[in-house]
Amino acid sequence: MKTLQRYLQEFADDDGDVECRSYSGRFMYGRSCVALTGSSERVFALLGELLAEFLDDLYHKGTAHEDVLLPAFKQYARILMDFRQDQMGLGTVIYWPQLNWEEDQSDAPEVADE
């Protein structure tokens, strides 16, 4: 299963108006996490599209066993909805301090330890 960072990166690349990047927000003391930047409208639209994609992707490509499917979707949805937001010039940045930015996605963990 893809990491959240990989999903966010792919959706941002396809969108073209939203960028997935590393970000160090307030009280993160230089640690970098996963973030989306762009206009508020596009960033939040992309987040909604991604949540809809998770449901479809988990159902069609993942296991059809509901005991596995439902918790996996709930985990991703809970993480995605637990974002922080800052203003960035004329745009918005939403970020997830619990998702460490990983340069190499081949062995990246899905969720950072809290």
Protein backbone atom coordinates (compact mmCIF):
# COMPACT_ATOMS: atom_id res chain seq x y z
CA MET A 1 0.00 0.00 0.00
CA LYS A 2 1.28 3.47 -0.83
CA THR A 3 2.39 5.86 1.88
CA LEU A 4 0.34 8.98 2.47
CA GLN A 5 3.22 11.09 1.23
CA ARG A 6 3.25 9.20 -2.06
CA TYR A 7 -0.52 9.58 -2.48
CA LEU A 8 -0.30 13.31 -1.73
CA GLN A 9 2.64 13.74 -4.12
CA GLU A 10 0.86 11.95 -6.98
CA PHE A 11 -2.36 13.92 -6.52
CA ALA A 12 -0.48 17.23 -6.32
CA ASP A 13 1.54 16.37 -9.45
CA ASP A 14 -1.67 15.54 -11.34
CA ASP A 15 -3.38 18.71 -10.11
CA GLY A 16 -0.63 21.11 -11.14
CA ASP A 17 -1.88 23.95 -8.90
CA VAL A 18 -0.99 22.25 -5.61
CA GLU A 19 2.51 21.31 -4.48
CA CYS A 20 3.43 18.50 -2.08
CA ARG A 21 6.60 19.48 -0.25
CA SER A 22 8.47 19.33 3.01
CA TYR A 23 7.49 21.93 5.59
CA SER A 24 8.58 22.84 9.08
CA GLY A 25 5.66 24.43 10.88
CA ARG A 26 5.37 26.24 14.16
CA PHE A 27 6.78 24.38 17.18
CA MET A 28 8.37 21.71 14.96
CA TYR A 29 11.90 22.91 15.77
CA GLY A 30 13.30 22.31 12.29
CA ARG A 31 11.76 18.85 11.76
CA SER A 32 10.24 18.49 8.29
CA CYS A 33 6.83 17.00 7.61
CA VAL A 34 4.55 16.44 4.62
CA ALA A 35 2.61 19.50 3.42
CA LEU A 36 0.39 20.71 0.58
CA THR A 37 0.62 24.30 -0.66
CA GLY A 38 -1.55 26.27 -3.05
CA SER A 39 -4.77 28.24 -3.04
CA SER A 40 -7.13 27.29 -0.20
CA GLU A 41 -9.74 26.22 -2.73
CA ARG A 42 -7.41 23.83 -4.61
CA VAL A 43 -5.68 22.44 -1.50
CA PHE A 44 -8.95 21.48 0.17
CA ALA A 45 -10.48 20.20 -3.08
CA LEU A 46 -7.45 17.94 -3.55
CA LEU A 47 -7.79 16.68 0.02
CA GLY A 48 -11.42 15.73 -0.65
CA GLU A 49 -10.51 14.03 -3.92
CA LEU A 50 -7.80 12.04 -2.16
CA LEU A 51 -10.18 10.84 0.54
CA ALA A 52 -12.60 9.67 -2.16
CA GLU A 53 -9.74 7.91 -3.96
CA PHE A 54 -8.73 6.06 -0.79
CA LEU A 55 -12.16 4.56 -0.50
CA ASP A 56 -12.11 3.45 -4.14
CA ASP A 57 -8.47 2.29 -4.08
CA LEU A 58 -8.80 0.30 -0.89
CA TYR A 59 -11.98 -1.36 -2.11
CA HIS A 60 -10.76 -2.32 -5.58
CA LYS A 61 -7.03 -2.92 -5.09
CA GLY A 62 -6.87 -3.82 -1.44
CA THR A 63 -8.49 -6.69 0.33
CA ALA A 64 -12.26 -7.02 0.12
CA HIS A 65 -12.27 -8.28 3.72
CA GLU A 66 -14.13 -5.56 5.62
CA ASP A 67 -12.21 -6.12 8.87
CA VAL A 68 -9.01 -5.02 7.10
CA LEU A 69 -10.50 -2.48 4.68
CA LEU A 70 -12.40 -0.33 7.13
CA PRO A 71 -9.59 0.20 9.67
CA ALA A 72 -7.11 1.05 6.88
CA PHE A 73 -9.45 3.68 5.41
CA LYS A 74 -10.23 5.08 8.86
CA GLN A 75 -6.52 5.37 9.69
CA TYR A 76 -5.72 7.35 6.54
CA ALA A 77 -8.82 9.53 6.90
CA ARG A 78 -8.05 10.31 10.57
CA ILE A 79 -4.49 11.26 9.72
CA LEU A 80 -5.50 13.43 6.76
CA MET A 81 -8.13 15.29 8.76
CA ASP A 82 -5.65 15.96 11.58
CA PHE A 83 -3.79 18.70 9.71
CA ARG A 84 -2.53 22.12 10.69
CA GLN A 85 -2.85 25.18 8.49
CA ASP A 86 -0.75 28.31 7.94
CA GLN A 87 -0.96 31.15 5.45
CA MET A 88 1.85 31.29 2.91
CA GLY A 89 1.82 34.56 0.98
CA LEU A 90 -1.39 34.52 -1.02
CA GLY A 91 -1.81 30.78 -0.56
CA THR A 92 -2.33 28.19 2.14
CA VAL A 93 -0.20 25.40 3.50
CA ILE A 94 -1.75 22.43 5.25
CA TYR A 95 0.65 20.07 6.93
CA TRP A 96 0.79 16.92 9.00
CA PRO A 97 3.41 17.06 11.79
CA GLN A 98 2.92 13.33 12.42
CA LEU A 99 4.02 12.49 8.83
CA ASN A 100 7.78 12.91 8.56
CA TRP A 101 8.99 14.06 5.14
CA GLU A 102 10.87 11.17 3.51
CA GLU A 103 13.23 11.95 0.63
CA ASP A 104 13.43 8.29 -0.43
CA GLN A 105 9.95 6.77 -0.66
CA SER A 106 11.13 3.19 -1.30
CA ASP A 107 11.22 2.26 2.42
CA ALA A 108 9.33 5.16 3.95
CA PRO A 109 7.22 4.51 7.03
CA GLU A 110 3.54 5.32 6.67
CA VAL A 111 3.11 7.21 9.94
CA ALA A 112 5.72 8.83 12.20
CA ASP A 113 5.90 7.85 15.83
CA GLU A 114 4.17 10.36 18.07
